[in-house]
C-alpha atoms as a PDB file:
ATOM      1  CA  MET A   1      -1.944  19.977  11.661  1.00  0.00           C
ATOM      2  CA  PRO A   2      -2.722  18.209  14.950  1.00  0.00           C
ATOM      3  CA  LEU A   3      -0.325  15.648  16.351  1.00  0.00           C
ATOM      4  CA  CYS A   4      -1.666  12.148  15.755  1.00  0.00           C
ATOM      5  CA  VAL A   5      -0.827   9.138  17.886  1.00  0.00           C
ATOM      6  CA  ALA A   6      -1.377   5.562  16.792  1.00  0.00           C
ATOM      7  CA  ARG A   7      -4.090   3.745  18.703  1.00  0.00           C
ATOM      8  CA  PRO A   8      -3.446   0.052  19.368  1.00  0.00           C
ATOM      9  CA  GLY A   9      -6.029  -2.154  17.697  1.00  0.00           C
ATOM     10  CA  ALA A  10      -7.477   0.686  15.608  1.00  0.00           C
ATOM     11  CA  TRP A  11      -7.226  -1.266  12.330  1.00  0.00           C
ATOM     12  CA  PRO A  12      -5.079  -4.259  11.341  1.00  0.00           C
ATOM     13  CA  THR A  13      -2.377  -4.084   8.715  1.00  0.00           C
ATOM     14  CA  PHE A  14      -3.208  -6.505   5.917  1.00  0.00           C
ATOM     15  CA  LEU A  15      -2.032  -7.855   2.572  1.00  0.00           C
ATOM     16  CA  HIS A  16      -4.594  -9.543   0.297  1.00  0.00           C
ATOM     17  CA  HIS A  17      -2.531 -11.549  -2.191  1.00  0.00           C
ATOM     18  CA  GLY A  18      -5.231 -12.393  -4.775  1.00  0.00           C
ATOM     19  CA  PRO A  19      -6.035  -8.872  -5.948  1.00  0.00           C
ATOM     20  CA  GLY A  20      -2.750  -7.438  -4.655  1.00  0.00           C
ATOM     21  CA  ALA A  21      -4.412  -5.119  -2.159  1.00  0.00           C
ATOM     22  CA  TYR A  22      -2.863  -3.902   1.062  1.00  0.00           C
ATOM     23  CA  GLY A  23      -3.843  -1.590   3.859  1.00  0.00           C
ATOM     24  CA  LEU A  24      -2.844  -0.115   7.167  1.00  0.00           C
ATOM     25  CA  ALA A  25      -4.122   2.457   9.615  1.00  0.00           C
ATOM     26  CA  ASP A  26      -2.485   5.841   9.834  1.00  0.00           C
ATOM     27  CA  PRO A  27      -2.015   7.481  13.244  1.00  0.00           C
ATOM     28  CA  CYS A  28      -4.819  10.011  12.604  1.00  0.00           C
ATOM     29  CA  GLY A  29      -7.472   7.316  12.249  1.00  0.00           C
ATOM     30  CA  ASP A  30      -7.721   6.974   8.476  1.00  0.00           C
ATOM     31  CA  VAL A  31      -7.044   3.666   6.730  1.00  0.00           C
ATOM     32  CA  LYS A  32      -4.777   3.563   3.686  1.00  0.00           C
ATOM     33  CA  VAL A  33      -5.825   0.914   1.174  1.00  0.00           C
ATOM     34  CA  GLY A  34      -3.937   0.417  -2.069  1.00  0.00           C
ATOM     35  CA  LEU A  35      -3.552  -1.890  -5.029  1.00  0.00           C
ATOM     36  CA  GLN A  36      -0.197  -3.145  -6.223  1.00  0.00           C
ATOM     37  CA  ASP A  37       0.841  -1.788  -9.627  1.00  0.00           C
ATOM     38  CA  ALA A  38      -2.401   0.154 -10.083  1.00  0.00           C
ATOM     39  CA  GLY A  39      -0.751   3.206 -11.576  1.00  0.00           C
ATOM     40  CA  GLY A  40       1.370   1.737 -14.342  1.00  0.00           C
ATOM     41  CA  GLU A  41       4.922   2.792 -15.016  1.00  0.00           C
ATOM     42  CA  PRO A  42       5.560   6.467 -14.205  1.00  0.00           C
ATOM     43  CA  ASP A  43       6.940   8.828 -16.823  1.00  0.00           C
ATOM     44  CA  PRO A  44       9.022  11.682 -15.378  1.00  0.00           C
ATOM     45  CA  ASP A  45       8.108  13.863 -18.385  1.00  0.00           C
ATOM     46  CA  ARG A  46       4.355  13.662 -17.768  1.00  0.00           C
ATOM     47  CA  PRO A  47       2.289  14.675 -14.757  1.00  0.00           C
ATOM     48  CA  ARG A  48       0.772  11.832 -12.771  1.00  0.00           C
ATOM     49  CA  THR A  49      -2.933  11.337 -13.245  1.00  0.00           C
ATOM     50  CA  LEU A  50      -5.441   9.179 -11.447  1.00  0.00           C
ATOM     51  CA  ASP A  51      -6.466   6.041 -13.334  1.00  0.00           C
ATOM     52  CA  PRO A  52     -10.281   5.907 -13.006  1.00  0.00           C
ATOM     53  CA  ASP A  53     -10.329   2.134 -13.628  1.00  0.00           C
ATOM     54  CA  ALA A  54      -7.819   1.539 -10.820  1.00  0.00           C
ATOM     55  CA  LEU A  55      -9.866   3.719  -8.472  1.00  0.00           C
ATOM     56  CA  ALA A  56     -13.027   1.784  -9.366  1.00  0.00           C
ATOM     57  CA  ARG A  57     -11.211  -1.544  -8.702  1.00  0.00           C
ATOM     58  CA  LEU A  58     -10.014  -0.235  -5.363  1.00  0.00           C
ATOM     59  CA  GLN A  59     -13.489   0.979  -4.379  1.00  0.00           C
ATOM     60  CA  ASP A  60     -14.960  -2.421  -5.355  1.00  0.00           C
ATOM     61  CA  HIS A  61     -12.322  -4.160  -3.258  1.00  0.00           C
ATOM     62  CA  VAL A  62     -13.042  -1.974  -0.221  1.00  0.00           C
ATOM     63  CA  ALA A  63     -16.813  -2.455  -0.565  1.00  0.00           C
ATOM     64  CA  THR A  64     -16.433  -6.244  -0.882  1.00  0.00           C
ATOM     65  CA  TRP A  65     -13.676  -7.059   1.599  1.00  0.00           C
ATOM     66  CA  LEU A  66     -13.458  -4.266   4.168  1.00  0.00           C
ATOM     67  CA  PRO A  67     -16.674  -3.828   6.121  1.00  0.00           C
ATOM     68  CA  GLY A  68     -16.559  -0.692   8.194  1.00  0.00           C
ATOM     69  CA  LEU A  69     -14.791   1.403   5.552  1.00  0.00           C
ATOM     70  CA  ASP A  70     -16.695   3.759   3.257  1.00  0.00           C
ATOM     71  CA  ALA A  71     -15.763   2.934  -0.340  1.00  0.00           C
ATOM     72  CA  THR A  72     -17.773   5.883  -1.674  1.00  0.00           C
ATOM     73  CA  ARG A  73     -15.484   8.576  -0.233  1.00  0.00           C
ATOM     74  CA  PRO A  74     -11.900   7.849  -1.325  1.00  0.00           C
ATOM     75  CA  ARG A  75      -9.057  10.345  -1.006  1.00  0.00           C
ATOM     76  CA  PRO A  76      -6.715   9.206  -3.785  1.00  0.00           C
ATOM     77  CA  VAL A  77      -3.004   9.618  -3.155  1.00  0.00           C
ATOM     78  CA  GLY A  78      -0.339   8.336  -5.537  1.00  0.00           C
ATOM     79  CA  ALA A  79       2.860   6.598  -4.521  1.00  0.00           C
ATOM     80  CA  THR A  80       5.888   5.577  -6.551  1.00  0.00           C
ATOM     81  CA  TRP A  81       8.219   2.758  -5.598  1.00  0.00           C
ATOM     82  CA  ALA A  82      10.861   0.523  -7.078  1.00  0.00           C
ATOM     83  CA  THR A  83       9.898  -3.112  -7.568  1.00  0.00           C
ATOM     84  CA  PRO A  84      12.040  -5.975  -8.874  1.00  0.00           C
ATOM     85  CA  SER A  85      10.684  -7.525 -12.094  1.00  0.00           C
ATOM     86  CA  SER A  86       9.530 -10.555 -10.084  1.00  0.00           C
ATOM     87  CA  GLY A  87       7.358  -8.272  -7.933  1.00  0.00           C
ATOM     88  CA  GLU A  88       8.822  -9.862  -4.804  1.00  0.00           C
ATOM     89  CA  PHE A  89      10.829  -8.299  -2.023  1.00  0.00           C
ATOM     90  CA  VAL A  90      14.472  -9.347  -1.965  1.00  0.00           C
ATOM     91  CA  LEU A  91      15.198 -10.686   1.523  1.00  0.00           C
ATOM     92  CA  GLU A  92      18.215 -12.880   2.142  1.00  0.00           C
ATOM     93  CA  ARG A  93      20.129 -13.761   5.286  1.00  0.00           C
ATOM     94  CA  ARG A  94      23.842 -14.543   5.176  1.00  0.00           C
ATOM     95  CA  GLY A  95      25.005 -15.324   8.690  1.00  0.00           C
ATOM     96  CA  PRO A  96      24.322 -12.259  10.846  1.00  0.00           C
ATOM     97  CA  LEU A  97      23.682 -10.058   7.786  1.00  0.00           C
ATOM     98  CA  LEU A  98      20.172  -9.509   6.407  1.00  0.00           C
ATOM     99  CA  VAL A  99      19.925  -8.023   2.919  1.00  0.00           C
ATOM    100  CA  ALA A 100      16.662  -6.280   1.994  1.00  0.00           C
ATOM    101  CA  ALA A 101      16.267  -4.677  -1.432  1.00  0.00           C
ATOM    102  CA  GLY A 102      13.554  -3.506  -3.769  1.00  0.00           C
ATOM    103  CA  LEU A 103      11.601  -2.107  -0.861  1.00  0.00           C
ATOM    104  CA  GLY A 104      11.522   1.701  -1.187  1.00  0.00           C
ATOM    105  CA  SER A 105       8.303   3.204   0.164  1.00  0.00           C
ATOM    106  CA  ARG A 106       6.578  -0.076  -0.725  1.00  0.00           C
ATOM    107  CA  GLY A 107       8.697  -1.785   1.911  1.00  0.00           C
ATOM    108  CA  PHE A 108       7.618   0.786   4.456  1.00  0.00           C
ATOM    109  CA  ALA A 109       3.958   0.111   3.648  1.00  0.00           C
ATOM    110  CA  HIS A 110       4.503  -3.641   3.956  1.00  0.00           C
ATOM    111  CA  ALA A 111       6.958  -3.619   6.887  1.00  0.00           C
ATOM    112  CA  PRO A 112       4.563  -5.445   9.237  1.00  0.00           C
ATOM    113  CA  GLN A 113       4.340  -8.356   6.786  1.00  0.00           C
ATOM    114  CA  VAL A 114       8.060  -8.375   5.966  1.00  0.00           C
ATOM    115  CA  GLY A 115       9.066  -8.288   9.629  1.00  0.00           C
END
């Protein structure tokens, strides 16, 4: 696999609160776009499968809101993360200490918005 280097200004990181969509560029030039909670609760005793309705919602979102991206050629990739029941990140400052919880890989995806 070739080494990929991020290109400044290639694509902005974004979070669209209404439909719960987010996206960011990867260093190889692709753009990852996802929907919050699109896969339901995972079951460790069953293999993960793609939800065709979630994929259709995602493709509709890309076609409507993200000009320049091709919604007809998705490469679905699943991700699992822990989320508090409120759906919010837990961020609290106590003096010089910052506590961040409930982030998992979701926090990594949203790091630019969290700060």
